[in-house]
Amino acid sequence: MEFDTTEFEVFDKRAATTNPNPMVTIQRGGHFSLNKAAYRAMGEPETVEILFSRANKVIGLRPVSPPAREASLSSRRERVRLPHL
């Protein structure tokens, strides 16, 4: 089966650190990283829920009030790391 990559662009991690637009990346170990713009766009929450739509195969993040089950977020420098799924 051939995979069409014409709609994709190569990820440049150097540009990601200076990008003013909200960005989320999934790290090699399964951790999520939000840039400062994404963290601020979410209202700088203390905790978030990780959502998943099986029908659309989409991951979402939603700010929630602590303590929330299955929710975790820790701010470290300019990055926010979430536990892997």
C-alpha atoms as a PDB file:
ATOM      1  CA  MET A   1       0.000   0.000   0.000  1.00  0.00           C
ATOM      2  CA  GLU A   2       1.399   3.384  -0.982  1.00  0.00           C
ATOM      3  CA  PHE A   3       1.143   6.320   1.425  1.00  0.00           C
ATOM      4  CA  ASP A   4       0.485   9.796  -0.007  1.00  0.00           C
ATOM      5  CA  THR A   5       2.755  12.354   1.648  1.00  0.00           C
ATOM      6  CA  THR A   6       2.007  15.325  -0.621  1.00  0.00           C
ATOM      7  CA  GLU A   7      -0.018  17.111   2.093  1.00  0.00           C
ATOM      8  CA  PHE A   8       2.779  16.835   4.679  1.00  0.00           C
ATOM      9  CA  GLU A   9       5.724  19.100   5.344  1.00  0.00           C
ATOM     10  CA  VAL A  10       8.963  18.181   7.070  1.00  0.00           C
ATOM     11  CA  PHE A  11       9.008  19.066  10.785  1.00  0.00           C
ATOM     12  CA  ASP A  12      11.798  21.502  11.681  1.00  0.00           C
ATOM     13  CA  LYS A  13      12.419  21.400  15.435  1.00  0.00           C
ATOM     14  CA  ARG A  14      14.469  24.613  15.264  1.00  0.00           C
ATOM     15  CA  ALA A  15      11.472  26.501  13.868  1.00  0.00           C
ATOM     16  CA  ALA A  16       9.161  24.956  16.479  1.00  0.00           C
ATOM     17  CA  THR A  17      10.947  26.674  19.352  1.00  0.00           C
ATOM     18  CA  THR A  18      10.452  30.127  17.833  1.00  0.00           C
ATOM     19  CA  ASN A  19       7.029  29.549  16.278  1.00  0.00           C
ATOM     20  CA  PRO A  20       4.443  32.003  17.674  1.00  0.00           C
ATOM     21  CA  ASN A  21       1.588  29.628  16.722  1.00  0.00           C
ATOM     22  CA  PRO A  22       0.287  26.954  19.119  1.00  0.00           C
ATOM     23  CA  MET A  23       2.021  23.618  18.515  1.00  0.00           C
ATOM     24  CA  VAL A  24       1.851  20.198  20.151  1.00  0.00           C
ATOM     25  CA  THR A  25       4.347  17.423  19.466  1.00  0.00           C
ATOM     26  CA  ILE A  26       4.456  13.801  20.553  1.00  0.00           C
ATOM     27  CA  GLN A  27       7.914  12.812  21.761  1.00  0.00           C
ATOM     28  CA  ARG A  28       9.623   9.488  21.094  1.00  0.00           C
ATOM     29  CA  GLY A  29       8.630   8.117  24.522  1.00  0.00           C
ATOM     30  CA  GLY A  30       4.974   9.051  23.982  1.00  0.00           C
ATOM     31  CA  HIS A  31       5.044  12.298  25.958  1.00  0.00           C
ATOM     32  CA  PHE A  32       3.213  15.346  24.661  1.00  0.00           C
ATOM     33  CA  SER A  33       4.987  18.706  24.508  1.00  0.00           C
ATOM     34  CA  LEU A  34       3.176  22.016  24.082  1.00  0.00           C
ATOM     35  CA  ASN A  35       4.966  25.175  23.092  1.00  0.00           C
ATOM     36  CA  LYS A  36       4.380  28.318  25.115  1.00  0.00           C
ATOM     37  CA  ALA A  37       1.734  29.591  22.658  1.00  0.00           C
ATOM     38  CA  ALA A  38      -0.319  26.382  22.982  1.00  0.00           C
ATOM     39  CA  TYR A  39      -0.050  26.423  26.776  1.00  0.00           C
ATOM     40  CA  ARG A  40      -1.202  30.032  26.907  1.00  0.00           C
ATOM     41  CA  ALA A  41      -4.038  29.375  24.416  1.00  0.00           C
ATOM     42  CA  MET A  42      -5.358  26.734  26.825  1.00  0.00           C
ATOM     43  CA  GLY A  43      -5.370  29.302  29.644  1.00  0.00           C
ATOM     44  CA  GLU A  44      -2.193  27.970  31.312  1.00  0.00           C
ATOM     45  CA  PRO A  45      -4.058  25.138  33.060  1.00  0.00           C
ATOM     46  CA  GLU A  46      -2.654  23.224  35.997  1.00  0.00           C
ATOM     47  CA  THR A  47      -4.203  19.998  34.700  1.00  0.00           C
ATOM     48  CA  VAL A  48      -5.677  18.743  31.437  1.00  0.00           C
ATOM     49  CA  GLU A  49      -7.627  15.736  30.236  1.00  0.00           C
ATOM     50  CA  ILE A  50      -6.324  13.793  27.268  1.00  0.00           C
ATOM     51  CA  LEU A  51      -9.183  12.990  24.891  1.00  0.00           C
ATOM     52  CA  PHE A  52      -9.289  10.555  21.984  1.00  0.00           C
ATOM     53  CA  SER A  53     -11.873  10.188  19.208  1.00  0.00           C
ATOM     54  CA  ARG A  54     -11.745   6.616  17.939  1.00  0.00           C
ATOM     55  CA  ALA A  55     -14.053   7.493  15.045  1.00  0.00           C
ATOM     56  CA  ASN A  56     -11.854  10.343  13.791  1.00  0.00           C
ATOM     57  CA  LYS A  57      -8.512   9.101  15.181  1.00  0.00           C
ATOM     58  CA  VAL A  58      -7.867  12.503  16.736  1.00  0.00           C
ATOM     59  CA  ILE A  59      -6.254  13.379  20.087  1.00  0.00           C
ATOM     60  CA  GLY A  60      -7.501  16.388  22.044  1.00  0.00           C
ATOM     61  CA  LEU A  61      -6.463  18.179  25.214  1.00  0.00           C
ATOM     62  CA  ARG A  62      -8.969  19.903  27.505  1.00  0.00           C
ATOM     63  CA  PRO A  63      -8.180  22.044  30.572  1.00  0.00           C
ATOM     64  CA  VAL A  64      -9.841  20.731  33.752  1.00  0.00           C
ATOM     65  CA  SER A  65      -9.886  21.741  37.408  1.00  0.00           C
ATOM     66  CA  PRO A  66      -7.606  19.709  39.679  1.00  0.00           C
ATOM     67  CA  PRO A  67      -7.813  17.101  40.956  1.00  0.00           C
ATOM     68  CA  ALA A  68      -9.072  15.296  37.871  1.00  0.00           C
ATOM     69  CA  ARG A  69      -8.835  11.583  37.192  1.00  0.00           C
ATOM     70  CA  GLU A  70      -6.605  10.618  34.291  1.00  0.00           C
ATOM     71  CA  ALA A  71      -5.372  14.194  34.003  1.00  0.00           C
ATOM     72  CA  SER A  72      -1.870  15.439  34.497  1.00  0.00           C
ATOM     73  CA  LEU A  73       0.203  18.390  33.383  1.00  0.00           C
ATOM     74  CA  SER A  74       3.435  19.792  34.643  1.00  0.00           C
ATOM     75  CA  SER A  75       5.030  22.979  33.415  1.00  0.00           C
ATOM     76  CA  ARG A  76       8.782  22.885  32.992  1.00  0.00           C
ATOM     77  CA  ARG A  77      10.591  25.853  31.546  1.00  0.00           C
ATOM     78  CA  GLU A  78       8.773  26.740  28.338  1.00  0.00           C
ATOM     79  CA  ARG A  79       7.512  23.222  27.674  1.00  0.00           C
ATOM     80  CA  VAL A  80       4.599  21.329  29.101  1.00  0.00           C
ATOM     81  CA  ARG A  81       4.907  17.545  29.271  1.00  0.00           C
ATOM     82  CA  LEU A  82       2.016  15.145  29.588  1.00  0.00           C
ATOM     83  CA  PRO A  83       2.323  11.441  30.440  1.00  0.00           C
ATOM     84  CA  HIS A  84       2.174   9.143  27.452  1.00  0.00           C
ATOM     85  CA  LEU A  85      -1.030   7.277  26.655  1.00  0.00           C
END
